Protein backbone atom coordinates (compact mmCIF):
# COMPACT_ATOMS: atom_id res chain seq x y z
CA MET A 1 -36.25 -16.54 5.49
CA ARG A 2 -34.80 -13.05 5.56
CA ARG A 3 -35.56 -10.89 8.57
CA ALA A 4 -35.81 -7.20 7.72
CA ARG A 5 -38.20 -4.35 7.98
CA PRO A 6 -40.67 -4.13 5.09
CA GLY A 7 -39.24 -2.39 2.05
CA ALA A 8 -35.64 -2.59 3.31
CA PRO A 9 -33.02 -3.40 0.68
CA PRO A 10 -31.17 -6.71 0.94
CA ARG A 11 -28.35 -6.79 3.45
CA GLY A 12 -25.10 -5.30 2.20
CA THR A 13 -26.64 -3.24 -0.60
CA GLY A 14 -27.23 -0.04 1.35
CA SER A 15 -24.76 2.62 2.34
CA ARG A 16 -24.27 0.96 5.71
CA ALA A 17 -24.54 -2.60 6.86
CA LEU A 18 -25.61 -3.73 10.31
CA THR A 19 -23.73 -6.54 12.01
CA SER A 20 -24.19 -8.44 15.22
CA VAL A 21 -21.66 -8.25 18.00
CA GLY A 22 -21.04 -11.24 20.22
CA ALA A 23 -21.56 -10.83 23.95
CA GLY A 24 -18.42 -10.70 26.06
CA ALA A 25 -17.30 -13.59 28.26
CA ASP A 26 -18.65 -11.86 31.37
CA PHE A 27 -22.16 -11.36 29.94
CA VAL A 28 -24.85 -12.83 32.19
CA GLY A 29 -27.91 -13.77 30.21
CA THR A 30 -30.22 -16.60 29.33
CA PRO A 31 -30.15 -18.72 26.18
CA THR A 32 -33.23 -16.84 24.95
CA ASP A 33 -31.11 -13.66 24.71
CA GLN A 34 -29.05 -15.16 21.88
CA THR A 35 -30.10 -14.96 18.25
CA LEU A 36 -29.66 -17.71 15.68
CA GLU A 37 -27.94 -15.41 13.19
CA GLN A 38 -25.34 -13.91 15.55
CA GLU A 39 -21.95 -13.19 13.97
CA PRO A 40 -19.04 -15.20 15.41
CA VAL A 41 -16.62 -13.38 17.68
CA VAL A 42 -13.29 -12.86 15.90
CA THR A 43 -10.09 -12.99 17.94
CA ASP A 44 -7.05 -10.79 17.27
CA GLU A 45 -5.15 -13.76 15.79
CA GLN A 46 -7.91 -14.30 13.21
CA ARG A 47 -7.97 -10.70 11.98
CA THR A 48 -6.02 -10.04 8.82
CA ARG A 49 -3.32 -7.50 9.44
CA SER A 50 -2.35 -4.97 6.81
CA LYS A 51 1.10 -5.04 5.24
CA LEU A 52 3.30 -2.58 3.42
CA TRP A 53 3.50 -3.00 -0.35
CA HIS A 54 6.00 -1.31 -2.66
CA ILE A 55 4.19 0.09 -5.69
CA THR A 56 5.72 1.07 -9.02
CA LEU A 57 3.18 2.68 -11.33
CA SER A 58 4.15 3.49 -14.93
CA VAL A 59 2.10 5.85 -17.08
CA SER A 60 2.52 6.97 -20.67
CA GLY A 61 0.81 9.05 -23.33
CA SER A 62 1.16 11.93 -25.74
CA GLU A 63 3.92 14.46 -25.20
CA ILE A 64 3.30 17.18 -22.62
CA PRO A 65 5.66 20.07 -21.76
CA LEU A 66 8.07 18.96 -19.01
CA LYS A 67 7.07 21.87 -16.74
CA GLU A 68 3.45 20.70 -16.70
CA VAL A 69 4.42 17.09 -16.01
CA ARG A 70 6.68 18.14 -13.14
CA ARG A 71 4.06 20.46 -11.65
CA GLY A 72 1.44 17.70 -11.75
CA LEU A 73 3.75 15.14 -10.14
CA GLU A 74 4.79 17.61 -7.44
CA GLN A 75 1.12 18.25 -6.66
CA LEU A 76 0.49 14.49 -6.57
CA ALA A 77 3.38 14.13 -4.10
CA HIS A 78 1.77 16.83 -1.96
CA ASP A 79 -1.69 15.19 -2.16
CA HIS A 80 -0.35 11.66 -1.59
CA PRO A 81 2.22 11.98 1.22
CA PHE A 82 3.54 8.41 0.90
CA LEU A 83 4.91 9.08 -2.58
CA LEU A 84 8.62 8.22 -2.54
CA THR A 85 9.87 9.28 -5.91
CA SER A 86 8.71 10.12 -9.40
CA ARG A 87 10.73 10.04 -12.58
CA TYR A 88 9.34 11.68 -15.67
CA ALA A 89 9.87 12.61 -19.29
CA ASN A 90 7.54 14.50 -21.61
CA ASP A 91 5.67 11.31 -22.63
CA HIS A 92 5.93 8.94 -19.63
CA ALA A 93 6.47 8.78 -15.89
CA GLU A 94 7.15 6.29 -13.13
CA ILE A 95 5.83 6.70 -9.60
CA ARG A 96 7.15 4.68 -6.67
CA TYR A 97 5.64 4.63 -3.20
CA TRP A 98 4.60 2.46 -0.26
CA GLU A 99 0.97 1.49 0.25
CA GLU A 100 -0.56 -0.13 3.31
CA ALA A 101 -3.15 -2.76 2.44
CA ARG A 102 -4.52 -6.09 3.62
CA ASP A 103 -3.32 -8.05 0.60
CA LEU A 104 -1.91 -7.70 -2.89
CA HIS A 105 -5.36 -7.35 -4.45
CA ASP A 106 -6.24 -4.37 -2.26
CA ALA A 107 -2.85 -2.71 -2.84
CA ALA A 108 -3.15 -3.16 -6.61
CA ALA A 109 -6.71 -1.81 -6.65
CA VAL A 110 -5.66 1.33 -4.78
CA ALA A 111 -2.63 1.79 -7.05
CA LEU A 112 -4.72 1.46 -10.21
CA ARG A 113 -7.05 4.19 -8.98
CA LEU A 114 -4.29 6.61 -7.92
CA TRP A 115 -3.61 8.23 -11.30
CA GLY A 116 -7.26 8.60 -12.32
CA GLU A 117 -8.45 9.91 -8.95
CA HIS A 118 -5.74 12.57 -8.81
CA ARG A 119 -5.70 13.42 -12.52
CA SER A 120 -7.87 16.55 -12.24
CA SER A 121 -7.00 17.61 -8.67
CA ALA A 122 -3.23 17.42 -9.29
CA GLY A 123 -3.38 18.48 -12.94
CA LEU A 124 -1.79 15.26 -14.16
CA PRO A 125 -1.43 14.55 -17.88
CA PRO A 126 -4.21 12.48 -19.51
CA TRP A 127 -1.92 9.46 -19.72
CA GLU A 128 -2.83 5.80 -19.37
CA ILE A 129 -1.40 3.33 -16.88
CA VAL A 130 0.94 1.05 -18.82
CA GLY A 131 2.58 -0.85 -15.99
CA LEU A 132 2.09 -1.82 -12.37
CA GLU A 133 4.34 -3.73 -10.01
CA VAL A 134 3.21 -4.55 -6.48
CA ILE A 135 5.62 -6.40 -4.20
CA ASP A 136 5.59 -6.96 -0.46
CA ARG A 137 8.13 -5.35 1.81
CA GLU A 138 10.17 -8.52 2.30
CA THR A 139 10.49 -9.11 -1.46
CA TYR A 140 11.50 -5.49 -2.01
CA HIS A 141 14.27 -5.68 0.59
CA GLN A 142 15.41 -9.08 -0.69
CA ARG A 143 15.71 -7.73 -4.24
CA VAL A 144 17.69 -4.69 -3.07
CA ALA A 145 19.99 -6.88 -0.93
CA GLU A 146 20.67 -9.20 -3.87
CA GLY A 147 21.40 -6.25 -6.14
CA TYR A 148 18.79 -6.89 -8.83
CA GLY A 149 15.82 -4.98 -7.50
CA PRO A 150 15.03 -1.31 -7.70
CA PRO A 151 17.50 0.70 -5.62
CA PRO A 152 16.11 2.47 -2.57
CA ALA A 153 14.21 5.57 -3.60
CA ALA A 154 16.88 8.18 -3.03
CA PRO A 155 16.76 10.99 -3.61
CA VAL A 156 13.14 11.30 -2.66
CA GLY A 157 11.10 13.63 -4.82
CA VAL A 158 10.19 14.37 -8.43
CA HIS A 159 13.05 14.05 -10.92
CA PRO A 160 13.48 13.92 -14.71
CA TYR A 161 14.80 10.70 -16.27
């Protein structure tokens, strides 16, 4: 049986969800103060910590004047301050940056939205995403140390191929 006020949408479908908070260890109460559907108390060790992910996003499409591509990528770098470097030509570009996310799925989802969400605000070309690489920080540094990964993003900024 679902407990809710009449006419309320099912839990989790509204713009905000209500959750229960467990009483602290020093709470003095009677067993009747507890509810049957109380959420479990989560300790710090059980919380998932976010990690840094190295993102390489490749986009491609019809030819656009280089000045327009550069201007759009420079605006994207201004709007998205974690952008490390961008390389571009008149028909494709590669964007590399660090993203903080809980797991690979979250990092990839954010990366796949980056180009589309900033397309109009940054004046980016109407190109499609043609490639995405998401690797964790340890893998990135291991690849660089072994000499077969992408070199550290230096110089930082927007550069032609």
